[in-house]
Each structure stands twice: as C-alpha cells, then as structure tokens.
Amino acid sequence: MPILDERGVLVAESDIGWERWRLVVEYDGKDHWLSRTQRSRDIDRYQILEELGWVVVRVDAKLLDERPAVTLLRIRAKLTAAGVVLP
C-alpha cells in the first residue's frame, strides 16, 4: 500500500495497511536485520509514518511463525483504538 505525504510524495510502501484508519503492518525481514543501511532506512521510515499520523505495527518471521495470535491481537487493538468496531 503506497503512503504519500501531504505533498503527494511517496514516503513508504506498506506490507499491509488500512488507509482509513491510518494503520500499517510492517514486516522486518532478513534485510532489516542483516543490513545496517536497511535498518537505518526502516527506522527513518517508521518515524516519518508516525509524524504523518500513521500507527505502525511491526512484525518479524519468528513472531508470525510462533505467535501469530499476538500479531492479530496487536492489530485488532490498534484498529479498535482507531475507532473500528469489531465483532
């Protein structure tokens, strides 16, 4: 999902997100952990997203593989906080 700043400039492409509720889920993959350059870019991107009013839920392979329910609970909590009425 492309995310634009107030001037319409692309600042990020999210793995998954809900524009209406300004929530994105970001996957920290192998490059994030192995590349200092990529990790630094990711940190900057997360900061920019937050400054633009987006909430970021970060996940990685271990979390998704071993505790997927935690990821879903975190996403659900952020959506609820944004005003989404969930069953």
N, C-alpha and C. Protein backbone atom coordinates (compact mmCIF):
# COMPACT_ATOMS: atom_id res chain seq x y z
N MET A 1 0.85 -1.17 0.00
CA MET A 1 0.00 0.00 0.00
C MET A 1 0.90 1.23 0.00
N PRO A 2 0.79 2.06 -1.02
CA PRO A 2 1.60 3.28 -1.05
C PRO A 2 1.09 4.30 -0.02
N ILE A 3 2.04 4.97 0.63
CA ILE A 3 1.69 6.01 1.59
C ILE A 3 2.37 7.29 1.14
N LEU A 4 1.57 8.34 0.99
CA LEU A 4 2.04 9.62 0.49
C LEU A 4 2.06 10.65 1.61
N ASP A 5 2.97 11.61 1.50
CA ASP A 5 2.97 12.71 2.46
C ASP A 5 1.96 13.76 2.02
N GLU A 6 1.92 14.88 2.74
CA GLU A 6 0.91 15.92 2.46
C GLU A 6 1.09 16.57 1.09
N ARG A 7 2.29 16.41 0.47
CA ARG A 7 2.53 16.96 -0.87
C ARG A 7 2.29 15.94 -1.97
N GLY A 8 1.92 14.71 -1.56
CA GLY A 8 1.69 13.65 -2.53
C GLY A 8 2.93 12.87 -2.90
N VAL A 9 4.00 13.04 -2.12
CA VAL A 9 5.26 12.33 -2.36
C VAL A 9 5.22 10.97 -1.65
N LEU A 10 5.60 9.93 -2.37
CA LEU A 10 5.64 8.59 -1.79
C LEU A 10 6.69 8.53 -0.69
N VAL A 11 6.28 8.17 0.52
CA VAL A 11 7.23 8.07 1.63
C VAL A 11 7.43 6.63 2.07
N ALA A 12 6.50 5.75 1.72
CA ALA A 12 6.61 4.35 2.12
C ALA A 12 5.65 3.51 1.31
N GLU A 13 5.97 2.25 1.23
CA GLU A 13 5.04 1.26 0.70
C GLU A 13 4.90 0.21 1.79
N SER A 14 3.72 0.15 2.36
CA SER A 14 3.48 -0.73 3.49
C SER A 14 3.16 -2.14 3.01
N ASP A 15 3.53 -3.12 3.85
CA ASP A 15 3.21 -4.50 3.55
C ASP A 15 1.70 -4.73 3.57
N ILE A 16 1.04 -4.16 4.54
CA ILE A 16 -0.41 -4.23 4.64
C ILE A 16 -0.87 -3.04 5.47
N GLY A 17 -2.04 -2.55 5.19
CA GLY A 17 -2.50 -1.42 5.97
C GLY A 17 -3.93 -1.04 5.67
N TRP A 18 -4.41 -0.11 6.46
CA TRP A 18 -5.76 0.40 6.33
C TRP A 18 -5.67 1.92 6.30
N GLU A 19 -5.78 2.49 5.13
CA GLU A 19 -5.63 3.93 4.97
C GLU A 19 -6.67 4.69 5.79
N ARG A 20 -7.89 4.19 5.78
CA ARG A 20 -8.98 4.86 6.50
C ARG A 20 -8.64 5.05 7.98
N TRP A 21 -7.94 4.08 8.56
CA TRP A 21 -7.62 4.14 9.99
C TRP A 21 -6.15 4.45 10.24
N ARG A 22 -5.42 4.73 9.17
CA ARG A 22 -4.02 5.13 9.26
C ARG A 22 -3.19 4.15 10.10
N LEU A 23 -3.36 2.88 9.75
CA LEU A 23 -2.65 1.81 10.43
C LEU A 23 -1.92 0.96 9.40
N VAL A 24 -0.65 0.69 9.64
CA VAL A 24 0.13 -0.17 8.75
C VAL A 24 0.80 -1.27 9.55
N VAL A 25 0.99 -2.40 8.90
CA VAL A 25 1.73 -3.51 9.47
C VAL A 25 3.00 -3.63 8.65
N GLU A 26 4.13 -3.56 9.33
CA GLU A 26 5.43 -3.60 8.66
C GLU A 26 6.18 -4.86 9.06
N TYR A 27 6.68 -5.57 8.06
CA TYR A 27 7.43 -6.80 8.28
C TYR A 27 8.92 -6.49 8.26
N ASP A 28 9.59 -6.80 9.36
CA ASP A 28 11.04 -6.63 9.43
C ASP A 28 11.68 -7.94 8.98
N GLY A 29 12.07 -7.98 7.72
CA GLY A 29 12.62 -9.19 7.13
C GLY A 29 14.12 -9.31 7.31
N LYS A 30 14.69 -10.26 6.60
CA LYS A 30 16.12 -10.57 6.72
C LYS A 30 16.98 -9.33 6.47
N ASP A 31 16.65 -8.55 5.45
CA ASP A 31 17.47 -7.37 5.14
C ASP A 31 17.47 -6.37 6.29
N HIS A 32 16.35 -6.26 6.99
CA HIS A 32 16.27 -5.33 8.12
C HIS A 32 17.31 -5.70 9.18
N TRP A 33 17.48 -6.98 9.42
CA TRP A 33 18.36 -7.45 10.48
C TRP A 33 19.82 -7.57 10.05
N LEU A 34 20.06 -7.80 8.74
CA LEU A 34 21.43 -8.03 8.28
C LEU A 34 22.12 -6.80 7.71
N SER A 35 21.33 -5.81 7.32
CA SER A 35 21.90 -4.62 6.68
C SER A 35 21.71 -3.39 7.57
N ARG A 36 22.81 -2.83 8.00
CA ARG A 36 22.74 -1.60 8.80
C ARG A 36 22.05 -0.49 8.02
N THR A 37 22.34 -0.43 6.73
CA THR A 37 21.74 0.61 5.88
C THR A 37 20.23 0.44 5.82
N GLN A 38 19.77 -0.78 5.59
CA GLN A 38 18.32 -1.03 5.52
C GLN A 38 17.65 -0.76 6.86
N ARG A 39 18.28 -1.19 7.93
CA ARG A 39 17.72 -0.96 9.27
C ARG A 39 17.58 0.54 9.53
N SER A 40 18.57 1.32 9.15
CA SER A 40 18.51 2.76 9.32
C SER A 40 17.38 3.37 8.49
N ARG A 41 17.25 2.91 7.25
CA ARG A 41 16.14 3.38 6.39
C ARG A 41 14.79 3.05 7.02
N ASP A 42 14.68 1.84 7.56
CA ASP A 42 13.43 1.43 8.18
C ASP A 42 13.10 2.31 9.38
N ILE A 43 14.10 2.60 10.21
CA ILE A 43 13.88 3.46 11.37
C ILE A 43 13.39 4.83 10.93
N ASP A 44 14.03 5.39 9.91
CA ASP A 44 13.59 6.69 9.39
C ASP A 44 12.16 6.61 8.85
N ARG A 45 11.86 5.54 8.11
CA ARG A 45 10.52 5.40 7.53
C ARG A 45 9.46 5.30 8.62
N TYR A 46 9.73 4.52 9.68
CA TYR A 46 8.76 4.40 10.77
C TYR A 46 8.52 5.76 11.42
N GLN A 47 9.58 6.54 11.58
CA GLN A 47 9.45 7.86 12.18
C GLN A 47 8.60 8.78 11.30
N ILE A 48 8.86 8.76 10.01
CA ILE A 48 8.09 9.59 9.07
C ILE A 48 6.62 9.19 9.11
N LEU A 49 6.35 7.90 9.10
CA LEU A 49 4.97 7.43 9.15
C LEU A 49 4.27 7.94 10.41
N GLU A 50 4.93 7.83 11.54
CA GLU A 50 4.33 8.30 12.78
C GLU A 50 4.10 9.81 12.76
N GLU A 51 5.04 10.56 12.18
CA GLU A 51 4.87 12.02 12.08
C GLU A 51 3.69 12.37 11.19
N LEU A 52 3.37 11.51 10.23
CA LEU A 52 2.23 11.73 9.35
C LEU A 52 0.92 11.21 9.94
N GLY A 53 0.99 10.70 11.17
CA GLY A 53 -0.22 10.24 11.85
C GLY A 53 -0.55 8.77 11.68
N TRP A 54 0.38 8.01 11.15
CA TRP A 54 0.16 6.57 10.98
C TRP A 54 0.61 5.82 12.22
N VAL A 55 -0.08 4.75 12.53
CA VAL A 55 0.32 3.83 13.59
C VAL A 55 0.97 2.64 12.90
N VAL A 56 2.12 2.21 13.42
CA VAL A 56 2.87 1.12 12.81
C VAL A 56 2.89 -0.07 13.76
N VAL A 57 2.46 -1.23 13.26
CA VAL A 57 2.61 -2.49 13.98
C VAL A 57 3.71 -3.25 13.27
N ARG A 58 4.78 -3.55 14.01
CA ARG A 58 5.93 -4.25 13.42
C ARG A 58 5.87 -5.73 13.75
N VAL A 59 6.22 -6.54 12.75
CA VAL A 59 6.27 -8.00 12.93
C VAL A 59 7.54 -8.53 12.29
N ASP A 60 7.89 -9.75 12.67
CA ASP A 60 9.01 -10.44 12.03
C ASP A 60 8.63 -11.91 11.85
N ALA A 61 9.51 -12.69 11.25
CA ALA A 61 9.20 -14.08 10.93
C ALA A 61 8.93 -14.91 12.18
N LYS A 62 9.74 -14.73 13.21
CA LYS A 62 9.56 -15.51 14.43
C LYS A 62 8.20 -15.24 15.06
N LEU A 63 7.83 -13.99 15.13
CA LEU A 63 6.53 -13.63 15.70
C LEU A 63 5.39 -14.24 14.88
N LEU A 64 5.47 -14.12 13.56
CA LEU A 64 4.42 -14.67 12.71
C LEU A 64 4.35 -16.19 12.78
N ASP A 65 5.51 -16.84 12.83
CA ASP A 65 5.55 -18.30 12.86
C ASP A 65 5.13 -18.88 14.20
N GLU A 66 5.63 -18.28 15.28
CA GLU A 66 5.46 -18.88 16.60
C GLU A 66 4.31 -18.29 17.42
N ARG A 67 3.95 -17.03 17.13
CA ARG A 67 2.90 -16.39 17.92
C ARG A 67 1.98 -15.54 17.03
N PRO A 68 1.37 -16.14 16.02
CA PRO A 68 0.52 -15.35 15.11
C PRO A 68 -0.65 -14.68 15.84
N ALA A 69 -1.14 -15.30 16.89
CA ALA A 69 -2.26 -14.71 17.63
C ALA A 69 -1.88 -13.37 18.25
N VAL A 70 -0.62 -13.24 18.65
CA VAL A 70 -0.14 -11.98 19.23
C VAL A 70 -0.23 -10.87 18.17
N THR A 71 0.20 -11.20 16.96
CA THR A 71 0.12 -10.22 15.87
C THR A 71 -1.32 -9.78 15.65
N LEU A 72 -2.22 -10.74 15.58
CA LEU A 72 -3.63 -10.41 15.37
C LEU A 72 -4.20 -9.58 16.51
N LEU A 73 -3.83 -9.90 17.74
CA LEU A 73 -4.31 -9.12 18.88
C LEU A 73 -3.79 -7.69 18.83
N ARG A 74 -2.54 -7.52 18.44
CA ARG A 74 -1.97 -6.17 18.34
C ARG A 74 -2.67 -5.36 17.25
N ILE A 75 -2.89 -5.97 16.11
CA ILE A 75 -3.59 -5.29 15.02
C ILE A 75 -5.01 -4.94 15.43
N ARG A 76 -5.68 -5.89 16.04
CA ARG A 76 -7.05 -5.66 16.50
C ARG A 76 -7.11 -4.50 17.49
N ALA A 77 -6.17 -4.47 18.44
CA ALA A 77 -6.16 -3.40 19.44
C ALA A 77 -5.94 -2.04 18.79
N LYS A 78 -5.05 -1.96 17.82
CA LYS A 78 -4.78 -0.68 17.15
C LYS A 78 -5.97 -0.25 16.30
N LEU A 79 -6.64 -1.20 15.64
CA LEU A 79 -7.83 -0.87 14.87
C LEU A 79 -8.94 -0.37 15.79
N THR A 80 -9.12 -1.04 16.91
CA THR A 80 -10.14 -0.63 17.87
C THR A 80 -9.84 0.77 18.40
N ALA A 81 -8.57 1.02 18.71
CA ALA A 81 -8.18 2.36 19.18
C ALA A 81 -8.42 3.43 18.14
N ALA A 82 -8.38 3.05 16.87
CA ALA A 82 -8.62 4.00 15.79
C ALA A 82 -10.10 4.22 15.53
N GLY A 83 -10.96 3.44 16.23
CA GLY A 83 -12.39 3.66 16.09
C GLY A 83 -13.13 2.57 15.32
N VAL A 84 -12.44 1.53 14.92
CA VAL A 84 -13.09 0.45 14.21
C VAL A 84 -13.91 -0.37 15.20
N VAL A 85 -15.14 -0.68 14.83
CA VAL A 85 -15.98 -1.53 15.65
C VAL A 85 -15.85 -2.95 15.12
N LEU A 86 -15.24 -3.81 15.93
CA LEU A 86 -15.01 -5.19 15.53
C LEU A 86 -15.94 -6.12 16.30
N PRO A 87 -16.29 -7.23 15.66
CA PRO A 87 -17.18 -8.20 16.35
C PRO A 87 -16.45 -8.89 17.49
